[in-house]
Amino acid sequence: MKKKKKSPVLIITIILFGVYLALYYLSEHGYYDIQERNKMLLTEEAMKQFEEDVSKGLDVSINDYLPETSIEYRNNVSKLGYKSGKAIEEFVTKGIVEVFKVLGSLVSD
């Protein structure tokens, strides 16, 4: 008996359906609402702390009460992508320069 190969379209459809089900489950069970509520609570706590510090007469700065919003995206995959992009850029640039040199020599002759 020969095994039938599964169609790539079928595999992609199954994966997309699985992603859809996972996102639907998360939205129905309030995952995103919980994340937003946690951000709101953090903000309320920071406001209370700010009010306490002002009432105590402390020197306050808004940056002391805001959560850190910058996210570090550098990792090995992004470094690999950057390096491969630079290598491809150099390769293509050299190729284009050589093509124009050849075209220039054909035109000038």
Protein backbone atom coordinates (compact mmCIF):
# COMPACT_ATOMS: atom_id res chain seq x y z
CA MET A 1 0.00 0.00 0.00
CA LYS A 2 1.24 3.41 -0.91
CA LYS A 3 0.89 6.26 1.52
CA LYS A 4 -0.90 9.30 0.18
CA LYS A 5 0.89 12.56 0.69
CA LYS A 6 -1.15 15.19 2.45
CA SER A 7 -1.73 18.33 0.48
CA PRO A 8 0.14 21.41 1.72
CA VAL A 9 -3.10 23.35 1.35
CA LEU A 10 -4.82 20.96 3.73
CA ILE A 11 -2.00 21.26 6.28
CA ILE A 12 -2.07 25.06 6.12
CA THR A 13 -5.86 25.06 6.47
CA ILE A 14 -5.67 22.83 9.55
CA ILE A 15 -3.00 25.06 11.12
CA LEU A 16 -5.00 28.22 10.43
CA PHE A 17 -8.12 26.61 11.87
CA GLY A 18 -6.17 25.66 15.00
CA VAL A 19 -4.91 29.24 15.38
CA TYR A 20 -8.48 30.50 14.94
CA LEU A 21 -9.75 28.14 17.64
CA ALA A 22 -6.99 29.20 20.04
CA LEU A 23 -7.71 32.90 19.50
CA TYR A 24 -11.44 32.33 19.85
CA TYR A 25 -10.91 30.45 23.12
CA LEU A 26 -8.71 33.24 24.50
CA SER A 27 -11.19 35.94 23.55
CA GLU A 28 -14.14 34.06 25.02
CA HIS A 29 -12.39 33.43 28.32
CA GLY A 30 -11.30 37.03 28.74
CA TYR A 31 -7.54 36.72 28.40
CA TYR A 32 -7.26 40.12 26.74
CA ASP A 33 -9.68 41.70 29.21
CA ILE A 34 -7.59 40.39 32.10
CA GLN A 35 -4.42 41.83 30.56
CA GLU A 36 -6.06 45.23 30.13
CA ARG A 37 -7.49 45.13 33.67
CA ASN A 38 -4.02 44.40 35.05
CA LYS A 39 -2.64 47.42 33.21
CA MET A 40 -5.47 49.56 34.62
CA LEU A 41 -4.80 48.35 38.18
CA LEU A 42 -1.14 49.15 37.80
CA THR A 43 -2.06 52.64 36.68
CA GLU A 44 -4.45 53.11 39.62
CA GLU A 45 -1.77 51.94 42.04
CA ALA A 46 0.72 54.36 40.49
CA MET A 47 -1.81 57.21 40.83
CA LYS A 48 -2.34 56.41 44.51
CA GLN A 49 1.42 56.32 45.09
CA PHE A 50 1.79 59.63 43.25
CA GLU A 51 -0.92 61.25 45.40
CA GLU A 52 0.72 59.95 48.58
CA ASP A 53 4.12 61.28 47.53
CA VAL A 54 2.65 64.69 46.65
CA SER A 55 0.83 64.89 49.98
CA LYS A 56 4.10 64.04 51.77
CA GLY A 57 5.81 66.85 49.87
CA LEU A 58 8.32 64.63 48.09
CA ASP A 59 9.98 65.63 44.82
CA VAL A 60 8.01 63.73 42.19
CA SER A 61 8.67 62.98 38.54
CA ILE A 62 6.15 61.45 36.15
CA ASN A 63 8.75 58.94 34.96
CA ASP A 64 8.89 57.40 38.43
CA TYR A 65 5.24 56.36 38.17
CA LEU A 66 4.96 55.19 34.57
CA PRO A 67 5.59 51.54 33.76
CA GLU A 68 8.55 50.62 31.57
CA THR A 69 7.19 50.48 28.04
CA SER A 70 10.30 49.75 25.99
CA ILE A 71 10.66 46.12 25.04
CA GLU A 72 13.96 44.51 24.15
CA TYR A 73 13.53 42.72 20.83
CA ARG A 74 17.15 41.73 20.24
CA ASN A 75 17.71 37.99 20.26
CA ASN A 76 19.62 35.43 18.23
CA VAL A 77 16.95 35.19 15.55
CA SER A 78 16.82 38.95 14.99
CA LYS A 79 20.62 39.11 14.91
CA LEU A 80 20.69 36.33 12.31
CA GLY A 81 18.05 38.16 10.25
CA TYR A 82 20.03 41.39 10.42
CA LYS A 83 23.30 39.72 9.40
CA SER A 84 21.70 37.78 6.55
CA GLY A 85 19.96 40.94 5.35
CA LYS A 86 23.27 42.82 5.30
CA ALA A 87 24.93 39.95 3.40
CA ILE A 88 22.13 39.87 0.83
CA GLU A 89 22.32 43.65 0.46
CA GLU A 90 26.06 43.51 -0.21
CA PHE A 91 25.64 40.65 -2.70
CA VAL A 92 22.90 42.42 -4.63
CA THR A 93 24.77 45.72 -4.61
CA LYS A 94 27.91 44.08 -6.00
CA GLY A 95 25.84 42.29 -8.64
CA ILE A 96 24.14 45.47 -9.77
CA VAL A 97 27.45 47.34 -9.92
CA GLU A 98 28.95 44.58 -12.07
CA VAL A 99 25.93 44.52 -14.40
CA PHE A 100 26.21 48.27 -14.94
CA LYS A 101 29.95 47.98 -15.55
CA VAL A 102 29.32 45.42 -18.26
CA LEU A 103 26.54 47.55 -19.76
CA GLY A 104 28.79 50.62 -19.60
CA SER A 105 31.60 48.83 -21.38
CA LEU A 106 29.20 47.65 -24.10
CA VAL A 107 27.85 51.16 -24.63
CA SER A 108 31.25 52.87 -24.63
CA ASP A 109 32.78 50.42 -27.17
